[in-house]
PDB file of N, CA and C in Angstrom:
ATOM      1  N   MET A   1      73.488  86.669  95.721  1.00  0.00           N
ATOM      2  CA  MET A   1      73.695  87.882  95.487  1.00  0.00           C
ATOM      3  C   MET A   1      74.509  88.313  94.271  1.00  0.00           C
ATOM      4  N   TYR A   2      75.719  87.791  94.104  1.00  0.00           N
ATOM      5  CA  TYR A   2      76.647  88.014  93.255  1.00  0.00           C
ATOM      6  C   TYR A   2      75.862  87.338  91.891  1.00  0.00           C
ATOM      7  N   ARG A   3      75.450  86.096  91.938  1.00  0.00           N
ATOM      8  CA  ARG A   3      75.175  85.429  90.751  1.00  0.00           C
ATOM      9  C   ARG A   3      73.766  86.155  90.604  1.00  0.00           C
ATOM     10  N   ASP A   4      72.698  86.523  91.089  1.00  0.00           N
ATOM     11  CA  ASP A   4      71.562  87.284  90.645  1.00  0.00           C
ATOM     12  C   ASP A   4      71.960  88.608  89.925  1.00  0.00           C
ATOM     13  N   SER A   5      72.826  89.220  90.381  1.00  0.00           N
ATOM     14  CA  SER A   5      72.913  90.559  89.863  1.00  0.00           C
ATOM     15  C   SER A   5      73.741  90.340  88.316  1.00  0.00           C
ATOM     16  N   ILE A   6      74.308  89.545  88.179  1.00  0.00           N
ATOM     17  CA  ILE A   6      74.810  88.931  86.802  1.00  0.00           C
ATOM     18  C   ILE A   6      73.856  88.732  85.886  1.00  0.00           C
ATOM     19  N   ASN A   7      73.225  87.590  86.514  1.00  0.00           N
ATOM     20  CA  ASN A   7      72.224  87.100  85.494  1.00  0.00           C
ATOM     21  C   ASN A   7      71.171  87.793  85.260  1.00  0.00           C
ATOM     22  N   GLN A   8      70.875  89.137  86.134  1.00  0.00           N
ATOM     23  CA  GLN A   8      69.777  90.066  85.766  1.00  0.00           C
ATOM     24  C   GLN A   8      70.133  91.220  85.211  1.00  0.00           C
ATOM     25  N   PHE A   9      71.568  91.304  84.612  1.00  0.00           N
ATOM     26  CA  PHE A   9      72.216  92.302  83.887  1.00  0.00           C
ATOM     27  C   PHE A   9      71.372  92.459  82.290  1.00  0.00           C
ATOM     28  N   GLN A  10      71.297  93.462  82.041  1.00  0.00           N
ATOM     29  CA  GLN A  10      70.747  93.707  80.701  1.00  0.00           C
ATOM     30  C   GLN A  10      71.767  94.953  80.266  1.00  0.00           C
ATOM     31  N   PRO A  11      71.804  94.597  78.744  1.00  0.00           N
ATOM     32  CA  PRO A  11      72.597  96.049  77.971  1.00  0.00           C
ATOM     33  C   PRO A  11      71.821  97.375  78.453  1.00  0.00           C
ATOM     34  N   GLY A  12      73.098  98.202  78.720  1.00  0.00           N
ATOM     35  CA  GLY A  12      72.953  99.666  78.878  1.00  0.00           C
ATOM     36  C   GLY A  12      73.202  99.935  80.785  1.00  0.00           C
ATOM     37  N   MET A  13      73.127  98.666  81.339  1.00  0.00           N
ATOM     38  CA  MET A  13      73.190  98.762  82.981  1.00  0.00           C
ATOM     39  C   MET A  13      74.755  98.653  83.429  1.00  0.00           C
ATOM     40  N   LYS A  14      74.982  99.589  84.443  1.00  0.00           N
ATOM     41  CA  LYS A  14      76.437  99.442  84.862  1.00  0.00           C
ATOM     42  C   LYS A  14      76.567  97.915  85.134  1.00  0.00           C
ATOM     43  N   LEU A  15      77.886  97.635  85.148  1.00  0.00           N
ATOM     44  CA  LEU A  15      78.464  96.470  85.549  1.00  0.00           C
ATOM     45  C   LEU A  15      78.437  96.341  86.895  1.00  0.00           C
ATOM     46  N   PRO A  16      78.133  95.357  87.738  1.00  0.00           N
ATOM     47  CA  PRO A  16      78.064  95.071  88.967  1.00  0.00           C
ATOM     48  C   PRO A  16      79.559  95.257  89.653  1.00  0.00           C
ATOM     49  N   GLU A  17      79.321  96.248  90.843  1.00  0.00           N
ATOM     50  CA  GLU A  17      80.522  96.829  91.421  1.00  0.00           C
ATOM     51  C   GLU A  17      81.813  95.685  91.750  1.00  0.00           C
ATOM     52  N   PHE A  18      81.400  94.391  92.386  1.00  0.00           N
ATOM     53  CA  PHE A  18      82.080  93.308  92.649  1.00  0.00           C
ATOM     54  C   PHE A  18      83.039  92.884  91.536  1.00  0.00           C
ATOM     55  N   LEU A  19      82.533  93.222  90.572  1.00  0.00           N
ATOM     56  CA  LEU A  19      83.291  92.754  89.067  1.00  0.00           C
ATOM     57  C   LEU A  19      84.747  93.491  88.938  1.00  0.00           C
ATOM     58  N   TYR A  20      84.747  94.728  89.767  1.00  0.00           N
ATOM     59  CA  TYR A  20      85.992  95.310  89.839  1.00  0.00           C
ATOM     60  C   TYR A  20      86.977  95.129  91.021  1.00  0.00           C
ATOM     61  N   ASN A  21      86.791  94.060  91.888  1.00  0.00           N
ATOM     62  CA  ASN A  21      87.243  93.561  93.068  1.00  0.00           C
ATOM     63  C   ASN A  21      88.174  92.460  92.770  1.00  0.00           C
ATOM     64  N   PRO A  22      89.499  92.393  92.346  1.00  0.00           N
ATOM     65  CA  PRO A  22      90.084  91.327  92.256  1.00  0.00           C
ATOM     66  C   PRO A  22      90.488  90.532  93.417  1.00  0.00           C
ATOM     67  N   PHE A  23      89.980  91.054  94.528  1.00  0.00           N
ATOM     68  CA  PHE A  23      90.542  90.216  95.873  1.00  0.00           C
ATOM     69  C   PHE A  23      88.999  89.573  96.147  1.00  0.00           C
ATOM     70  N   LEU A  24      88.183  89.731  95.575  1.00  0.00           N
ATOM     71  CA  LEU A  24      86.803  88.835  95.999  1.00  0.00           C
ATOM     72  C   LEU A  24      86.859  87.579  96.594  1.00  0.00           C
ATOM     73  N   ASP A  25      87.833  86.847  95.948  1.00  0.00           N
ATOM     74  CA  ASP A  25      87.925  85.114  96.380  1.00  0.00           C
ATOM     75  C   ASP A  25      88.483  85.253  97.672  1.00  0.00           C
ATOM     76  N   TYR A  26      89.559  86.228  97.825  1.00  0.00           N
ATOM     77  CA  TYR A  26      90.278  86.096  99.156  1.00  0.00           C
ATOM     78  C   TYR A  26      89.572  86.655 100.265  1.00  0.00           C
ATOM     79  N   GLU A  27      88.945  87.783 100.053  1.00  0.00           N
ATOM     80  CA  GLU A  27      87.687  88.451 100.938  1.00  0.00           C
ATOM     81  C   GLU A  27      86.653  87.540 101.390  1.00  0.00           C
ATOM     82  N   ASN A  28      86.285  86.912 100.201  1.00  0.00           N
ATOM     83  CA  ASN A  28      85.069  85.831 100.637  1.00  0.00           C
ATOM     84  C   ASN A  28      85.490  84.422 100.541  1.00  0.00           C
ATOM     85  N   PRO A  29      86.415  83.964 101.123  1.00  0.00           N
ATOM     86  CA  PRO A  29      86.558  82.474 100.843  1.00  0.00           C
ATOM     87  C   PRO A  29      86.012  81.597 101.072  1.00  0.00           C
ATOM     88  N   TRP A  30      85.781  80.427  99.994  1.00  0.00           N
ATOM     89  CA  TRP A  30      84.270  79.535 100.163  1.00  0.00           C
ATOM     90  C   TRP A  30      85.503  78.105 100.746  1.00  0.00           C
ATOM     91  N   LEU A  31      85.491  77.670 101.788  1.00  0.00           N
ATOM     92  CA  LEU A  31      86.209  76.815 102.378  1.00  0.00           C
ATOM     93  C   LEU A  31      85.515  75.741 102.751  1.00  0.00           C
ATOM     94  N   THR A  32      86.124  74.615 102.386  1.00  0.00           N
ATOM     95  CA  THR A  32      85.449  73.132 102.777  1.00  0.00           C
ATOM     96  C   THR A  32      86.770  72.500 103.492  1.00  0.00           C
ATOM     97  N   ASP A  33      86.218  71.073 104.011  1.00  0.00           N
ATOM     98  CA  ASP A  33      87.475  70.551 104.814  1.00  0.00           C
ATOM     99  C   ASP A  33      88.393  69.931 103.767  1.00  0.00           C
ATOM    100  N   HIS A  34      88.334  69.997 102.561  1.00  0.00           N
ATOM    101  CA  HIS A  34      89.200  69.370 101.468  1.00  0.00           C
ATOM    102  C   HIS A  34      89.435  70.410 100.373  1.00  0.00           C
ATOM    103  N   HIS A  35      88.921  71.510 100.128  1.00  0.00           N
ATOM    104  CA  HIS A  35      88.933  72.499  99.130  1.00  0.00           C
ATOM    105  C   HIS A  35      88.908  73.576  99.651  1.00  0.00           C
ATOM    106  N   THR A  36      89.538  74.586  98.791  1.00  0.00           N
ATOM    107  CA  THR A  36      89.357  75.909  98.599  1.00  0.00           C
ATOM    108  C   THR A  36      88.616  76.247  96.988  1.00  0.00           C
ATOM    109  N   TRP A  37      87.636  77.017  97.174  1.00  0.00           N
ATOM    110  CA  TRP A  37      86.975  77.295  95.827  1.00  0.00           C
ATOM    111  C   TRP A  37      86.954  79.039  95.703  1.00  0.00           C
ATOM    112  N   SER A  38      87.203  78.952  94.537  1.00  0.00           N
ATOM    113  CA  SER A  38      87.210  80.406  93.938  1.00  0.00           C
ATOM    114  C   SER A  38      85.496  80.665  93.580  1.00  0.00           C
ATOM    115  N   ILE A  39      85.065  81.862  94.482  1.00  0.00           N
ATOM    116  CA  ILE A  39      83.769  82.483  94.154  1.00  0.00           C
ATOM    117  C   ILE A  39      83.847  83.078  93.073  1.00  0.00           C
ATOM    118  N   ARG A  40      84.593  83.816  92.348  1.00  0.00           N
ATOM    119  CA  ARG A  40      84.350  84.655  91.277  1.00  0.00           C
ATOM    120  C   ARG A  40      84.424  83.203  90.050  1.00  0.00           C
ATOM    121  N   LYS A  41      85.000  82.247  90.079  1.00  0.00           N
ATOM    122  CA  LYS A  41      84.835  81.247  89.180  1.00  0.00           C
ATOM    123  C   LYS A  41      83.506  80.560  89.331  1.00  0.00           C
ATOM    124  N   MET A  42      83.078  80.394  90.564  1.00  0.00           N
ATOM    125  CA  MET A  42      81.459  79.670  90.658  1.00  0.00           C
ATOM    126  C   MET A  42      80.552  80.688  90.027  1.00  0.00           C
ATOM    127  N   ILE A  43      80.796  81.748  90.204  1.00  0.00           N
ATOM    128  CA  ILE A  43      79.824  82.999  89.576  1.00  0.00           C
ATOM    129  C   ILE A  43      79.874  82.582  88.016  1.00  0.00           C
ATOM    130  N   PHE A  44      81.075  82.932  87.640  1.00  0.00           N
ATOM    131  CA  PHE A  44      80.950  82.783  86.187  1.00  0.00           C
ATOM    132  C   PHE A  44      80.502  81.256  85.423  1.00  0.00           C
ATOM    133  N   ASP A  45      80.838  80.776  86.369  1.00  0.00           N
ATOM    134  CA  ASP A  45      80.237  79.241  85.499  1.00  0.00           C
ATOM    135  C   ASP A  45      78.812  79.023  85.563  1.00  0.00           C
ATOM    136  N   SER A  46      78.150  79.793  86.619  1.00  0.00           N
ATOM    137  CA  SER A  46      76.776  79.809  86.743  1.00  0.00           C
ATOM    138  C   SER A  46      76.002  80.680  86.009  1.00  0.00           C
ATOM    139  N   THR A  47      76.966  81.455  85.079  1.00  0.00           N
ATOM    140  CA  THR A  47      76.427  82.413  84.485  1.00  0.00           C
ATOM    141  C   THR A  47      75.803  81.817  82.911  1.00  0.00           C
ATOM    142  N   ARG A  48      74.571  82.508  82.719  1.00  0.00           N
ATOM    143  CA  ARG A  48      73.968  82.193  81.468  1.00  0.00           C
ATOM    144  C   ARG A  48      73.478  83.276  80.492  1.00  0.00           C
ATOM    145  N   ASN A  49      73.976  84.470  81.213  1.00  0.00           N
ATOM    146  CA  ASN A  49      73.580  85.883  80.854  1.00  0.00           C
ATOM    147  C   ASN A  49      74.796  86.057  79.853  1.00  0.00           C
ATOM    148  N   VAL A  50      74.461  85.914  78.405  1.00  0.00           N
ATOM    149  CA  VAL A  50      75.543  86.274  77.260  1.00  0.00           C
ATOM    150  C   VAL A  50      75.918  88.015  77.241  1.00  0.00           C
ATOM    151  N   ASP A  51      74.659  88.493  77.784  1.00  0.00           N
ATOM    152  CA  ASP A  51      74.773  89.947  77.775  1.00  0.00           C
ATOM    153  C   ASP A  51      76.181  90.814  78.692  1.00  0.00           C
ATOM    154  N   ILE A  52      76.040  90.091  79.899  1.00  0.00           N
ATOM    155  CA  ILE A  52      77.236  90.410  80.667  1.00  0.00           C
ATOM    156  C   ILE A  52      78.444  89.950  80.425  1.00  0.00           C
ATOM    157  N   LEU A  53      78.493  88.997  79.888  1.00  0.00           N
ATOM    158  CA  LEU A  53      79.767  88.421  79.276  1.00  0.00           C
ATOM    159  C   LEU A  53      80.193  89.308  78.362  1.00  0.00           C
ATOM    160  N   LEU A  54      79.538  89.503  77.319  1.00  0.00           N
ATOM    161  CA  LEU A  54      79.939  90.561  76.174  1.00  0.00           C
ATOM    162  C   LEU A  54      80.214  92.115  76.772  1.00  0.00           C
ATOM    163  N   ALA A  55      79.447  92.541  77.568  1.00  0.00           N
ATOM    164  CA  ALA A  55      79.839  93.625  78.310  1.00  0.00           C
ATOM    165  C   ALA A  55      81.294  93.583  78.843  1.00  0.00           C
ATOM    166  N   ILE A  56      81.530  92.557  79.658  1.00  0.00           N
ATOM    167  CA  ILE A  56      82.844  92.569  80.429  1.00  0.00           C
ATOM    168  C   ILE A  56      83.746  92.449  79.526  1.00  0.00           C
ATOM    169  N   ILE A  57      83.730  91.523  78.418  1.00  0.00           N
ATOM    170  CA  ILE A  57      84.591  91.328  77.249  1.00  0.00           C
ATOM    171  C   ILE A  57      85.169  92.514  76.236  1.00  0.00           C
ATOM    172  N   ASN A  58      83.850  93.392  75.952  1.00  0.00           N
ATOM    173  CA  ASN A  58      83.919  94.471  75.204  1.00  0.00           C
ATOM    174  C   ASN A  58      84.597  95.686  76.117  1.00  0.00           C
ATOM    175  N   SER A  59      84.590  95.619  77.393  1.00  0.00           N
ATOM    176  CA  SER A  59      84.874  96.659  78.022  1.00  0.00           C
ATOM    177  C   SER A  59      86.293  97.327  78.149  1.00  0.00           C
ATOM    178  N   LYS A  60      86.423  98.392  78.196  1.00  0.00           N
ATOM    179  CA  LYS A  60      87.779  98.948  78.108  1.00  0.00           C
ATOM    180  C   LYS A  60      88.440  99.334  79.559  1.00  0.00           C
ATOM    181  N   ASP A  61      87.330  98.845  80.469  1.00  0.00           N
ATOM    182  CA  ASP A  61      87.951  99.451  81.744  1.00  0.00           C
ATOM    183  C   ASP A  61      89.075  98.300  82.369  1.00  0.00           C
ATOM    184  N   VAL A  62      89.981  98.682  82.543  1.00  0.00           N
ATOM    185  CA  VAL A  62      91.334  97.737  83.142  1.00  0.00           C
ATOM    186  C   VAL A  62      91.128  97.385  84.446  1.00  0.00           C
ATOM    187  N   ARG A  63      90.313  97.786  85.117  1.00  0.00           N
ATOM    188  CA  ARG A  63      90.020  96.988  86.429  1.00  0.00           C
ATOM    189  C   ARG A  63      89.580  95.771  86.225  1.00  0.00           C
ATOM    190  N   LEU A  64      89.087  95.362  85.286  1.00  0.00           N
ATOM    191  CA  LEU A  64      88.290  94.040  84.808  1.00  0.00           C
ATOM    192  C   LEU A  64      89.389  92.941  84.676  1.00  0.00           C
ATOM    193  N   MET A  65      90.765  93.766  84.410  1.00  0.00           N
ATOM    194  CA  MET A  65      91.727  92.908  83.873  1.00  0.00           C
ATOM    195  C   MET A  65      92.902  92.776  85.101  1.00  0.00           C
ATOM    196  N   GLU A  66      92.583  93.149  86.030  1.00  0.00           N
ATOM    197  CA  GLU A  66      93.609  93.021  87.168  1.00  0.00           C
ATOM    198  C   GLU A  66      93.327  91.763  88.060  1.00  0.00           C
ATOM    199  N   LEU A  67      94.537  91.690  88.434  1.00  0.00           N
ATOM    200  CA  LEU A  67      94.794  90.439  89.415  1.00  0.00           C
ATOM    201  C   LEU A  67      95.109  90.673  90.702  1.00  0.00           C
ATOM    202  N   ALA A  68      94.533  89.880  91.673  1.00  0.00           N
ATOM    203  CA  ALA A  68      94.964  90.014  93.278  1.00  0.00           C
ATOM    204  C   ALA A  68      96.393  89.855  93.287  1.00  0.00           C
ATOM    205  N   ASP A  69      97.016  90.458  94.087  1.00  0.00           N
ATOM    206  CA  ASP A  69      98.305  90.481  94.074  1.00  0.00           C
ATOM    207  C   ASP A  69      98.591  89.932  95.608  1.00  0.00           C
ATOM    208  N   SER A  70      99.382  88.782  95.681  1.00  0.00           N
ATOM    209  CA  SER A  70      99.608  87.956  96.749  1.00  0.00           C
ATOM    210  C   SER A  70     100.344  88.790  97.843  1.00  0.00           C
ATOM    211  N   ASN A  71     101.108  89.859  97.340  1.00  0.00           N
ATOM    212  CA  ASN A  71     102.074  90.694  98.317  1.00  0.00           C
ATOM    213  C   ASN A  71     101.110  91.604  98.995  1.00  0.00           C
ATOM    214  N   SER A  72     100.053  91.688  98.896  1.00  0.00           N
ATOM    215  CA  SER A  72      99.147  92.659  99.143  1.00  0.00           C
ATOM    216  C   SER A  72      97.978  92.051 100.338  1.00  0.00           C
ATOM    217  N   VAL A  73      98.126  90.471 100.622  1.00  0.00           N
ATOM    218  CA  VAL A  73      97.526  90.067 101.696  1.00  0.00           C
ATOM    219  C   VAL A  73      98.134  89.572 102.583  1.00  0.00           C
ATOM    220  N   GLU A  74      97.397  89.138 103.673  1.00  0.00           N
ATOM    221  CA  GLU A  74      98.106  88.839 105.292  1.00  0.00           C
ATOM    222  C   GLU A  74      98.334  87.428 104.962  1.00  0.00           C
ATOM    223  N   ASP A  75      97.446  86.688 104.595  1.00  0.00           N
ATOM    224  CA  ASP A  75      97.368  85.165 104.678  1.00  0.00           C
ATOM    225  C   ASP A  75      97.618  84.624 103.399  1.00  0.00           C
ATOM    226  N   LYS A  76      98.892  84.573 103.118  1.00  0.00           N
ATOM    227  CA  LYS A  76      99.310  84.179 101.788  1.00  0.00           C
ATOM    228  C   LYS A  76      98.968  82.539 101.472  1.00  0.00           C
ATOM    229  N   ALA A  77      98.959  81.859 102.879  1.00  0.00           N
ATOM    230  CA  ALA A  77      98.488  80.262 102.513  1.00  0.00           C
ATOM    231  C   ALA A  77      97.240  80.142 102.120  1.00  0.00           C
ATOM    232  N   LEU A  78      96.217  80.907 102.344  1.00  0.00           N
ATOM    233  CA  LEU A  78      94.978  80.904 102.075  1.00  0.00           C
ATOM    234  C   LEU A  78      95.014  81.612 100.434  1.00  0.00           C
ATOM    235  N   PHE A  79      95.486  82.490 100.278  1.00  0.00           N
ATOM    236  CA  PHE A  79      95.560  83.108  99.002  1.00  0.00           C
ATOM    237  C   PHE A  79      95.917  82.075  98.103  1.00  0.00           C
ATOM    238  N   ASN A  80      97.081  81.452  98.255  1.00  0.00           N
ATOM    239  CA  ASN A  80      97.719  80.555  97.189  1.00  0.00           C
ATOM    240  C   ASN A  80      96.800  79.260  97.188  1.00  0.00           C
ATOM    241  N   ALA A  81      95.908  78.818  97.930  1.00  0.00           N
ATOM    242  CA  ALA A  81      94.914  77.958  98.096  1.00  0.00           C
ATOM    243  C   ALA A  81      93.887  77.989  97.050  1.00  0.00           C
ATOM    244  N   ILE A  82      93.513  79.534  97.039  1.00  0.00           N
ATOM    245  CA  ILE A  82      92.458  79.497  95.992  1.00  0.00           C
ATOM    246  C   ILE A  82      92.667  79.318  94.552  1.00  0.00           C
ATOM    247  N   PRO A  83      92.019  78.734  94.146  1.00  0.00           N
ATOM    248  CA  PRO A  83      92.182  78.407  92.648  1.00  0.00           C
ATOM    249  C   PRO A  83      91.822  79.699  91.705  1.00  0.00           C
ATOM    250  N   PHE A  84      92.405  80.092  90.453  1.00  0.00           N
ATOM    251  CA  PHE A  84      91.913  80.774  89.395  1.00  0.00           C
ATOM    252  C   PHE A  84      92.187  82.311  89.866  1.00  0.00           C
ATOM    253  N   THR A  85      93.026  82.454  90.732  1.00  0.00           N
ATOM    254  CA  THR A  85      93.405  83.794  91.344  1.00  0.00           C
ATOM    255  C   THR A  85      94.611  84.267  90.382  1.00  0.00           C
ATOM    256  N   ASN A  86      94.851  83.631  89.086  1.00  0.00           N
ATOM    257  CA  ASN A  86      95.896  83.703  88.161  1.00  0.00           C
ATOM    258  C   ASN A  86      94.948  84.278  86.666  1.00  0.00           C
ATOM    259  N   LEU A  87      93.809  84.374  86.952  1.00  0.00           N
ATOM    260  CA  LEU A  87      92.902  84.707  86.000  1.00  0.00           C
ATOM    261  C   LEU A  87      92.015  86.056  86.645  1.00  0.00           C
ATOM    262  N   SER A  88      92.022  86.927  85.728  1.00  0.00           N
ATOM    263  CA  SER A  88      91.253  88.356  85.793  1.00  0.00           C
ATOM    264  C   SER A  88      89.610  88.113  85.621  1.00  0.00           C
ATOM    265  N   ASN A  89      88.906  88.860  85.948  1.00  0.00           N
ATOM    266  CA  ASN A  89      87.322  88.545  85.622  1.00  0.00           C
ATOM    267  C   ASN A  89      86.987  88.722  84.343  1.00  0.00           C
ATOM    268  N   PHE A  90      87.886  89.790  83.456  1.00  0.00           N
ATOM    269  CA  PHE A  90      87.946  89.567  82.337  1.00  0.00           C
ATOM    270  C   PHE A  90      88.145  88.482  81.473  1.00  0.00           C
ATOM    271  N   GLU A  91      89.530  87.477  81.966  1.00  0.00           N
ATOM    272  CA  GLU A  91      89.521  86.340  81.466  1.00  0.00           C
ATOM    273  C   GLU A  91      88.572  85.301  81.720  1.00  0.00           C
ATOM    274  N   LEU A  92      87.923  85.186  82.935  1.00  0.00           N
ATOM    275  CA  LEU A  92      86.883  84.481  83.372  1.00  0.00           C
ATOM    276  C   LEU A  92      85.808  84.321  82.435  1.00  0.00           C
ATOM    277  N   ALA A  93      85.318  85.892  82.187  1.00  0.00           N
ATOM    278  CA  ALA A  93      84.191  86.203  81.178  1.00  0.00           C
ATOM    279  C   ALA A  93      84.657  85.453  79.856  1.00  0.00           C
ATOM    280  N   LYS A  94      85.674  85.753  79.442  1.00  0.00           N
ATOM    281  CA  LYS A  94      86.110  85.017  78.012  1.00  0.00           C
ATOM    282  C   LYS A  94      85.836  83.843  78.163  1.00  0.00           C
ATOM    283  N   ARG A  95      86.558  82.949  78.998  1.00  0.00           N
ATOM    284  CA  ARG A  95      86.365  81.528  79.048  1.00  0.00           C
ATOM    285  C   ARG A  95      84.743  81.225  79.103  1.00  0.00           C
ATOM    286  N   ARG A  96      84.039  81.942  80.044  1.00  0.00           N
ATOM    287  CA  ARG A  96      82.774  81.502  80.307  1.00  0.00           C
ATOM    288  C   ARG A  96      82.007  81.608  78.603  1.00  0.00           C
ATOM    289  N   TYR A  97      81.999  82.568  78.092  1.00  0.00           N
ATOM    290  CA  TYR A  97      81.477  83.071  76.855  1.00  0.00           C
ATOM    291  C   TYR A  97      81.929  81.929  75.748  1.00  0.00           C
ATOM    292  N   SER A  98      82.969  81.576  75.703  1.00  0.00           N
ATOM    293  CA  SER A  98      83.422  80.512  74.928  1.00  0.00           C
ATOM    294  C   SER A  98      82.747  78.914  75.330  1.00  0.00           C
ATOM    295  N   GLU A  99      82.778  78.635  76.591  1.00  0.00           N
ATOM    296  CA  GLU A  99      82.032  77.601  76.828  1.00  0.00           C
ATOM    297  C   GLU A  99      80.309  77.600  76.468  1.00  0.00           C
ATOM    298  N   ILE A 100      79.861  78.619  76.615  1.00  0.00           N
ATOM    299  CA  ILE A 100      78.308  78.846  76.203  1.00  0.00           C
ATOM    300  C   ILE A 100      78.142  78.690  74.722  1.00  0.00           C
ATOM    301  N   ASN A 101      79.145  79.159  73.959  1.00  0.00           N
ATOM    302  CA  ASN A 101      79.216  79.349  72.525  1.00  0.00           C
ATOM    303  C   ASN A 101      79.294  77.824  71.993  1.00  0.00           C
ATOM    304  N   LYS A 102      80.224  77.000  72.766  1.00  0.00           N
ATOM    305  CA  LYS A 102      80.395  75.633  72.528  1.00  0.00           C
ATOM    306  C   LYS A 102      79.205  74.827  72.118  1.00  0.00           C
ATOM    307  N   ASN A 103      78.356  75.078  73.000  1.00  0.00           N
ATOM    308  CA  ASN A 103      77.003  74.302  73.118  1.00  0.00           C
ATOM    309  C   ASN A 103      75.787  74.834  72.214  1.00  0.00           C
TER     310      ASN A 103
END
């Protein structure tokens, strides 16, 4: 669902609403026996759509730069186990855009 809405994005479309939720990883934890994964990072890593990455990077919407605040969650241990909570969706988009342009 998340991956499809990112990869189907075209210029002029509104950005998917989930991109404005800095707590997406916490609200939808991806857990295995040995790891906790960042859903946001997995979504961005699978993105091939440069248009959405540029739309995020060029957006002036500060919500894309927000970080989840560990003081706002009940399960701090889970929150702290999730990688990349120190990066906003804006920063993840910039990283992915750089990775794509290296190839």
